[in-house]
Amino acid sequence: MHIAVAGNIGSGKSTLTELLACHYGWKARYEAVEHNPYLEDYYRDIHRWSFNLEVYFLKERFRDLIAIAEADHDIIQDRTIYEGVYVFMTNNYEMGNLSERDYHTYMELFEQMMGLVKVPDLMIYLQASVPHLVGNIQKRGRSYEQTIQLEYLQNLNYRYDDFIFHKYPGRVMVVDKDQFDFKNNPKDFASIVDRIDATLFGLFSPNSL
């Protein structure tokens, strides 16, 4: 089984991934952030490094999907290849940070990859407001994230909603992150677990949730 956790920068994806992996005994796969050779350059000069960054992420995420497909155990994944395409790459393209040539090259590569994989069994979308995202980004203190512009986060939020509600073909569970503190409040985490149980295992009626 393949579970994915989606959400904007600072929405709590890694935290929820860790908690659910521990609760269900799933193996967690995290997005490569600290070792990405393009990330700091990207935040210093988005226009120059967008294509390089997105191709690197695409390569890493496709490698993860192949490993997930071949695994003999349940996996929960922190961010997916679909977000990289329909949120981050699309946002960079619409902001003029990639040329049309680079964008189409990237999309052709992605479409070829998609013929070899399938969507996750469930995608959990952490929907969060920009003030909530900013608060989390400041708390974790990654130096390369401190210069992220509010407009950039807002654009990503718009892209995430458009992706989740209009483009993603798989099953989705939406969590309002502004209202759920699953890291510090056991009741909030239990509520999310109940919804997952209902969706994946049919232990409760989804209509009642």
C-alpha atoms as a PDB file:
ATOM      1  CA  MET A   1       0.000   0.000   0.000  1.00  0.00           C
ATOM      2  CA  HIS A   2       1.231   3.489  -0.879  1.00  0.00           C
ATOM      3  CA  ILE A   3       0.105   6.492   1.186  1.00  0.00           C
ATOM      4  CA  ALA A   4       1.244  10.028   0.332  1.00  0.00           C
ATOM      5  CA  VAL A   5       1.239  13.251   2.364  1.00  0.00           C
ATOM      6  CA  ALA A   6       0.929  16.452   0.325  1.00  0.00           C
ATOM      7  CA  GLY A   7       1.102  20.083   1.337  1.00  0.00           C
ATOM      8  CA  ASN A   8       2.837  23.418   0.988  1.00  0.00           C
ATOM      9  CA  ILE A   9       6.207  24.303   2.516  1.00  0.00           C
ATOM     10  CA  GLY A  10       5.784  24.356   6.295  1.00  0.00           C
ATOM     11  CA  SER A  11       2.431  22.538   6.362  1.00  0.00           C
ATOM     12  CA  GLY A  12       3.685  19.683   8.551  1.00  0.00           C
ATOM     13  CA  LYS A  13       4.125  16.898   5.981  1.00  0.00           C
ATOM     14  CA  SER A  14       7.231  15.376   7.537  1.00  0.00           C
ATOM     15  CA  THR A  15       5.747  15.470  11.029  1.00  0.00           C
ATOM     16  CA  LEU A  16       2.535  13.721   9.972  1.00  0.00           C
ATOM     17  CA  THR A  17       4.470  11.221   7.883  1.00  0.00           C
ATOM     18  CA  GLU A  18       6.566  10.290  10.918  1.00  0.00           C
ATOM     19  CA  LEU A  19       3.560  10.009  13.227  1.00  0.00           C
ATOM     20  CA  LEU A  20       1.550   7.843  10.831  1.00  0.00           C
ATOM     21  CA  ALA A  21       4.525   5.624  10.044  1.00  0.00           C
ATOM     22  CA  CYS A  22       4.942   4.969  13.754  1.00  0.00           C
ATOM     23  CA  HIS A  23       1.215   4.398  14.346  1.00  0.00           C
ATOM     24  CA  TYR A  24       0.568   2.009  11.464  1.00  0.00           C
ATOM     25  CA  GLY A  25       4.007   0.441  11.123  1.00  0.00           C
ATOM     26  CA  TRP A  26       4.397   1.869   7.624  1.00  0.00           C
ATOM     27  CA  LYS A  27       7.854   2.612   6.279  1.00  0.00           C
ATOM     28  CA  ALA A  28       8.390   6.350   5.742  1.00  0.00           C
ATOM     29  CA  ARG A  29      10.037   7.833   2.678  1.00  0.00           C
ATOM     30  CA  TYR A  30      11.042  11.466   3.005  1.00  0.00           C
ATOM     31  CA  GLU A  31      11.732  14.035   0.351  1.00  0.00           C
ATOM     32  CA  ALA A  32      15.442  14.757  -0.112  1.00  0.00           C
ATOM     33  CA  VAL A  33      15.831  18.370   1.038  1.00  0.00           C
ATOM     34  CA  GLU A  34      19.025  18.790   3.003  1.00  0.00           C
ATOM     35  CA  HIS A  35      21.151  17.055   0.352  1.00  0.00           C
ATOM     36  CA  ASN A  36      19.642  18.720  -2.704  1.00  0.00           C
ATOM     37  CA  PRO A  37      22.612  20.352  -4.476  1.00  0.00           C
ATOM     38  CA  TYR A  38      20.454  23.041  -6.088  1.00  0.00           C
ATOM     39  CA  LEU A  39      18.234  24.229  -3.231  1.00  0.00           C
ATOM     40  CA  GLU A  40      20.302  27.075  -1.781  1.00  0.00           C
ATOM     41  CA  ASP A  41      21.175  28.349  -5.269  1.00  0.00           C
ATOM     42  CA  TYR A  42      17.483  28.229  -6.153  1.00  0.00           C
ATOM     43  CA  TYR A  43      16.422  30.455  -3.258  1.00  0.00           C
ATOM     44  CA  ARG A  44      19.175  32.929  -4.134  1.00  0.00           C
ATOM     45  CA  ASP A  45      18.288  33.092  -7.845  1.00  0.00           C
ATOM     46  CA  ILE A  46      14.983  31.392  -8.661  1.00  0.00           C
ATOM     47  CA  HIS A  47      14.984  32.331 -12.335  1.00  0.00           C
ATOM     48  CA  ARG A  48      18.440  30.868 -12.983  1.00  0.00           C
ATOM     49  CA  TRP A  49      18.049  27.605 -11.072  1.00  0.00           C
ATOM     50  CA  SER A  50      14.367  26.637 -11.408  1.00  0.00           C
ATOM     51  CA  PHE A  51      14.792  24.136 -14.235  1.00  0.00           C
ATOM     52  CA  ASN A  52      17.793  22.484 -12.582  1.00  0.00           C
ATOM     53  CA  LEU A  53      15.989  22.177  -9.257  1.00  0.00           C
ATOM     54  CA  GLU A  54      12.774  20.776 -10.724  1.00  0.00           C
ATOM     55  CA  VAL A  55      14.537  18.196 -12.895  1.00  0.00           C
ATOM     56  CA  TYR A  56      16.523  17.050  -9.858  1.00  0.00           C
ATOM     57  CA  PHE A  57      13.316  16.682  -7.829  1.00  0.00           C
ATOM     58  CA  LEU A  58      11.604  14.872 -10.718  1.00  0.00           C
ATOM     59  CA  LYS A  59      14.477  12.403 -10.920  1.00  0.00           C
ATOM     60  CA  GLU A  60      14.443  11.775  -7.168  1.00  0.00           C
ATOM     61  CA  ARG A  61      10.667  11.379  -6.952  1.00  0.00           C
ATOM     62  CA  PHE A  62      10.508   9.024  -9.911  1.00  0.00           C
ATOM     63  CA  ARG A  63      13.224   6.899  -8.329  1.00  0.00           C
ATOM     64  CA  ASP A  64      11.130   6.808  -5.151  1.00  0.00           C
ATOM     65  CA  LEU A  65       8.050   5.678  -7.100  1.00  0.00           C
ATOM     66  CA  ILE A  66       9.953   2.828  -8.703  1.00  0.00           C
ATOM     67  CA  ALA A  67      11.226   1.725  -5.279  1.00  0.00           C
ATOM     68  CA  ILE A  68       7.714   1.978  -3.808  1.00  0.00           C
ATOM     69  CA  ALA A  69       6.258  -0.123  -6.632  1.00  0.00           C
ATOM     70  CA  GLU A  70       8.850  -2.819  -6.000  1.00  0.00           C
ATOM     71  CA  ALA A  71       8.521  -2.793  -2.192  1.00  0.00           C
ATOM     72  CA  ASP A  72       6.934  -5.686  -0.287  1.00  0.00           C
ATOM     73  CA  HIS A  73       5.713  -3.468   2.578  1.00  0.00           C
ATOM     74  CA  ASP A  74       3.387  -0.489   3.093  1.00  0.00           C
ATOM     75  CA  ILE A  75       4.949   2.931   2.521  1.00  0.00           C
ATOM     76  CA  ILE A  76       3.989   6.474   3.452  1.00  0.00           C
ATOM     77  CA  GLN A  77       5.641   9.145   1.316  1.00  0.00           C
ATOM     78  CA  ASP A  78       6.420  12.768   2.184  1.00  0.00           C
ATOM     79  CA  ARG A  79       5.437  14.732  -0.986  1.00  0.00           C
ATOM     80  CA  THR A  80       4.904  13.180  -4.406  1.00  0.00           C
ATOM     81  CA  ILE A  81       6.028  13.554  -7.972  1.00  0.00           C
ATOM     82  CA  TYR A  82       2.603  14.973  -8.862  1.00  0.00           C
ATOM     83  CA  GLU A  83       3.064  18.024  -6.646  1.00  0.00           C
ATOM     84  CA  GLY A  84       6.450  18.650  -8.151  1.00  0.00           C
ATOM     85  CA  VAL A  85       4.828  18.903 -11.554  1.00  0.00           C
ATOM     86  CA  TYR A  86       1.408  20.460 -10.983  1.00  0.00           C
ATOM     87  CA  VAL A  87       2.381  22.782  -8.128  1.00  0.00           C
ATOM     88  CA  PHE A  88       6.045  23.751  -8.108  1.00  0.00           C
ATOM     89  CA  MET A  89       6.986  23.422 -11.758  1.00  0.00           C
ATOM     90  CA  THR A  90       3.720  24.959 -12.937  1.00  0.00           C
ATOM     91  CA  ASN A  91       4.098  27.833 -10.478  1.00  0.00           C
ATOM     92  CA  ASN A  92       7.645  28.555 -11.598  1.00  0.00           C
ATOM     93  CA  TYR A  93       6.582  28.462 -15.230  1.00  0.00           C
ATOM     94  CA  GLU A  94       3.632  30.794 -14.693  1.00  0.00           C
ATOM     95  CA  MET A  95       5.886  33.217 -12.786  1.00  0.00           C
ATOM     96  CA  GLY A  96       8.245  33.362 -15.765  1.00  0.00           C
ATOM     97  CA  ASN A  97      11.058  31.495 -14.046  1.00  0.00           C
ATOM     98  CA  LEU A  98      11.315  28.850 -16.784  1.00  0.00           C
ATOM     99  CA  SER A  99      11.358  29.177 -20.528  1.00  0.00           C
ATOM    100  CA  GLU A 100       8.643  27.559 -22.598  1.00  0.00           C
ATOM    101  CA  ARG A 101      11.286  25.225 -24.057  1.00  0.00           C
ATOM    102  CA  ASP A 102      12.392  24.033 -20.611  1.00  0.00           C
ATOM    103  CA  TYR A 103       8.801  23.614 -19.431  1.00  0.00           C
ATOM    104  CA  HIS A 104       7.780  21.441 -22.383  1.00  0.00           C
ATOM    105  CA  THR A 105      10.938  19.342 -22.107  1.00  0.00           C
ATOM    106  CA  TYR A 106      10.144  18.744 -18.448  1.00  0.00           C
ATOM    107  CA  MET A 107       6.495  17.876 -19.105  1.00  0.00           C
ATOM    108  CA  GLU A 108       7.379  15.403 -21.852  1.00  0.00           C
ATOM    109  CA  LEU A 109       9.773  13.677 -19.484  1.00  0.00           C
ATOM    110  CA  PHE A 110       7.122  13.544 -16.752  1.00  0.00           C
ATOM    111  CA  GLU A 111       4.456  12.128 -19.089  1.00  0.00           C
ATOM    112  CA  GLN A 112       6.794   9.331 -20.172  1.00  0.00           C
ATOM    113  CA  MET A 113       7.480   8.486 -16.530  1.00  0.00           C
ATOM    114  CA  MET A 114       3.778   8.321 -15.683  1.00  0.00           C
ATOM    115  CA  GLY A 115       3.285   5.437 -18.072  1.00  0.00           C
ATOM    116  CA  LEU A 116       5.332   3.275 -15.694  1.00  0.00           C
ATOM    117  CA  VAL A 117       3.740   4.028 -12.311  1.00  0.00           C
ATOM    118  CA  LYS A 118       0.345   4.316 -10.581  1.00  0.00           C
ATOM    119  CA  VAL A 119      -1.151   6.875  -8.185  1.00  0.00           C
ATOM    120  CA  PRO A 120      -0.985   6.309  -4.381  1.00  0.00           C
ATOM    121  CA  ASP A 121      -3.793   4.434  -2.650  1.00  0.00           C
ATOM    122  CA  LEU A 122      -4.488   7.595  -0.622  1.00  0.00           C
ATOM    123  CA  MET A 123      -3.143  11.135  -0.676  1.00  0.00           C
ATOM    124  CA  ILE A 124      -3.513  13.168   2.529  1.00  0.00           C
ATOM    125  CA  TYR A 125      -3.557  16.876   1.715  1.00  0.00           C
ATOM    126  CA  LEU A 126      -2.544  19.283   4.496  1.00  0.00           C
ATOM    127  CA  GLN A 127      -4.318  22.511   3.586  1.00  0.00           C
ATOM    128  CA  ALA A 128      -2.873  25.510   5.477  1.00  0.00           C
ATOM    129  CA  SER A 129      -3.126  29.301   5.368  1.00  0.00           C
ATOM    130  CA  VAL A 130      -0.065  31.422   4.579  1.00  0.00           C
ATOM    131  CA  PRO A 131       0.253  32.787   8.167  1.00  0.00           C
ATOM    132  CA  HIS A 132       0.272  29.204   9.452  1.00  0.00           C
ATOM    133  CA  LEU A 133       2.943  28.230   6.936  1.00  0.00           C
ATOM    134  CA  VAL A 134       5.102  31.231   7.807  1.00  0.00           C
ATOM    135  CA  GLY A 135       4.915  30.423  11.510  1.00  0.00           C
ATOM    136  CA  ASN A 136       6.100  26.871  10.926  1.00  0.00           C
ATOM    137  CA  ILE A 137       8.875  27.950   8.564  1.00  0.00           C
ATOM    138  CA  GLN A 138      10.193  30.416  11.131  1.00  0.00           C
ATOM    139  CA  LYS A 139      10.086  27.812  13.910  1.00  0.00           C
ATOM    140  CA  ARG A 140      12.163  25.213  12.084  1.00  0.00           C
ATOM    141  CA  GLY A 141      14.754  27.813  11.148  1.00  0.00           C
ATOM    142  CA  ARG A 142      16.159  26.510   7.872  1.00  0.00           C
ATOM    143  CA  SER A 143      18.310  29.375   6.611  1.00  0.00           C
ATOM    144  CA  TYR A 144      17.490  28.900   2.941  1.00  0.00           C
ATOM    145  CA  GLU A 145      13.735  29.124   3.665  1.00  0.00           C
ATOM    146  CA  GLN A 146      13.798  32.406   5.576  1.00  0.00           C
ATOM    147  CA  THR A 147      13.842  34.497   2.376  1.00  0.00           C
ATOM    148  CA  ILE A 148      10.730  32.859   0.868  1.00  0.00           C
ATOM    149  CA  GLN A 149       8.284  35.569  -0.194  1.00  0.00           C
ATOM    150  CA  LEU A 150       4.670  35.592   0.998  1.00  0.00           C
ATOM    151  CA  GLU A 151       3.490  35.887  -2.596  1.00  0.00           C
ATOM    152  CA  TYR A 152       5.372  32.717  -3.453  1.00  0.00           C
ATOM    153  CA  LEU A 153       3.673  30.764  -0.644  1.00  0.00           C
ATOM    154  CA  GLN A 154       0.275  32.157  -1.658  1.00  0.00           C
ATOM    155  CA  ASN A 155       0.847  31.120  -5.267  1.00  0.00           C
ATOM    156  CA  LEU A 156       1.790  27.628  -4.134  1.00  0.00           C
ATOM    157  CA  ASN A 157      -1.372  27.425  -2.024  1.00  0.00           C
ATOM    158  CA  TYR A 158      -3.455  28.318  -5.066  1.00  0.00           C
ATOM    159  CA  ARG A 159      -1.656  25.697  -7.150  1.00  0.00           C
ATOM    160  CA  TYR A 160      -2.102  23.047  -4.469  1.00  0.00           C
ATOM    161  CA  ASP A 161      -5.845  23.609  -4.284  1.00  0.00           C
ATOM    162  CA  ASP A 162      -6.137  23.548  -8.066  1.00  0.00           C
ATOM    163  CA  PHE A 163      -4.087  20.365  -8.256  1.00  0.00           C
ATOM    164  CA  ILE A 164      -5.937  18.523  -5.484  1.00  0.00           C
ATOM    165  CA  PHE A 165      -9.477  19.504  -6.431  1.00  0.00           C
ATOM    166  CA  HIS A 166      -9.237  19.624 -10.229  1.00  0.00           C
ATOM    167  CA  LYS A 167      -6.275  17.624 -11.559  1.00  0.00           C
ATOM    168  CA  TYR A 168      -5.260  14.779  -9.276  1.00  0.00           C
ATOM    169  CA  PRO A 169      -6.941  11.507 -10.371  1.00  0.00           C
ATOM    170  CA  GLY A 170      -6.509   9.550  -7.130  1.00  0.00           C
ATOM    171  CA  ARG A 171      -8.251   9.357  -3.732  1.00  0.00           C
ATOM    172  CA  VAL A 172      -7.694  12.355  -1.433  1.00  0.00           C
ATOM    173  CA  MET A 173      -8.289  13.132   2.248  1.00  0.00           C
ATOM    174  CA  VAL A 174      -8.112  16.863   3.092  1.00  0.00           C
ATOM    175  CA  VAL A 175      -6.914  17.997   6.535  1.00  0.00           C
ATOM    176  CA  ASP A 176      -7.387  21.645   7.572  1.00  0.00           C
ATOM    177  CA  LYS A 177      -3.976  22.161   9.155  1.00  0.00           C
ATOM    178  CA  ASP A 178      -4.958  25.487  10.756  1.00  0.00           C
ATOM    179  CA  GLN A 179      -7.471  23.580  12.895  1.00  0.00           C
ATOM    180  CA  PHE A 180      -5.436  20.435  13.656  1.00  0.00           C
ATOM    181  CA  ASP A 181      -2.326  20.353  15.836  1.00  0.00           C
ATOM    182  CA  PHE A 182      -1.572  16.657  15.362  1.00  0.00           C
ATOM    183  CA  LYS A 183       1.978  17.071  16.677  1.00  0.00           C
ATOM    184  CA  ASN A 184       0.998  18.316  20.143  1.00  0.00           C
ATOM    185  CA  ASN A 185      -2.647  17.298  20.522  1.00  0.00           C
ATOM    186  CA  PRO A 186      -3.302  13.513  20.686  1.00  0.00           C
ATOM    187  CA  LYS A 187      -7.027  14.032  20.049  1.00  0.00           C
ATOM    188  CA  ASP A 188      -6.311  15.819  16.777  1.00  0.00           C
ATOM    189  CA  PHE A 189      -4.009  13.023  15.672  1.00  0.00           C
ATOM    190  CA  ALA A 190      -6.580  10.398  16.675  1.00  0.00           C
ATOM    191  CA  SER A 191      -9.187  12.182  14.575  1.00  0.00           C
ATOM    192  CA  ILE A 192      -6.954  11.947  11.517  1.00  0.00           C
ATOM    193  CA  VAL A 193      -6.293   8.265  12.201  1.00  0.00           C
ATOM    194  CA  ASP A 194     -10.040   7.614  12.412  1.00  0.00           C
ATOM    195  CA  ARG A 195     -10.542   9.221   9.001  1.00  0.00           C
ATOM    196  CA  ILE A 196      -7.735   7.176   7.483  1.00  0.00           C
ATOM    197  CA  ASP A 197      -9.181   3.977   8.943  1.00  0.00           C
ATOM    198  CA  ALA A 198     -12.568   4.818   7.498  1.00  0.00           C
ATOM    199  CA  THR A 199     -11.145   5.586   4.068  1.00  0.00           C
ATOM    200  CA  LEU A 200      -8.715   2.699   3.738  1.00  0.00           C
ATOM    201  CA  PHE A 201     -10.250  -0.034   5.847  1.00  0.00           C
ATOM    202  CA  GLY A 202     -13.945   0.874   6.062  1.00  0.00           C
ATOM    203  CA  LEU A 203     -14.044   0.710   9.862  1.00  0.00           C
ATOM    204  CA  PHE A 204     -16.490   3.590   9.995  1.00  0.00           C
ATOM    205  CA  SER A 205     -18.830   5.189   7.506  1.00  0.00           C
ATOM    206  CA  PRO A 206     -16.999   7.944   5.591  1.00  0.00           C
ATOM    207  CA  ASN A 207     -20.269   9.844   5.339  1.00  0.00           C
ATOM    208  CA  SER A 208     -20.350  10.228   9.119  1.00  0.00           C
ATOM    209  CA  LEU A 209     -16.918  11.863   9.075  1.00  0.00           C
END
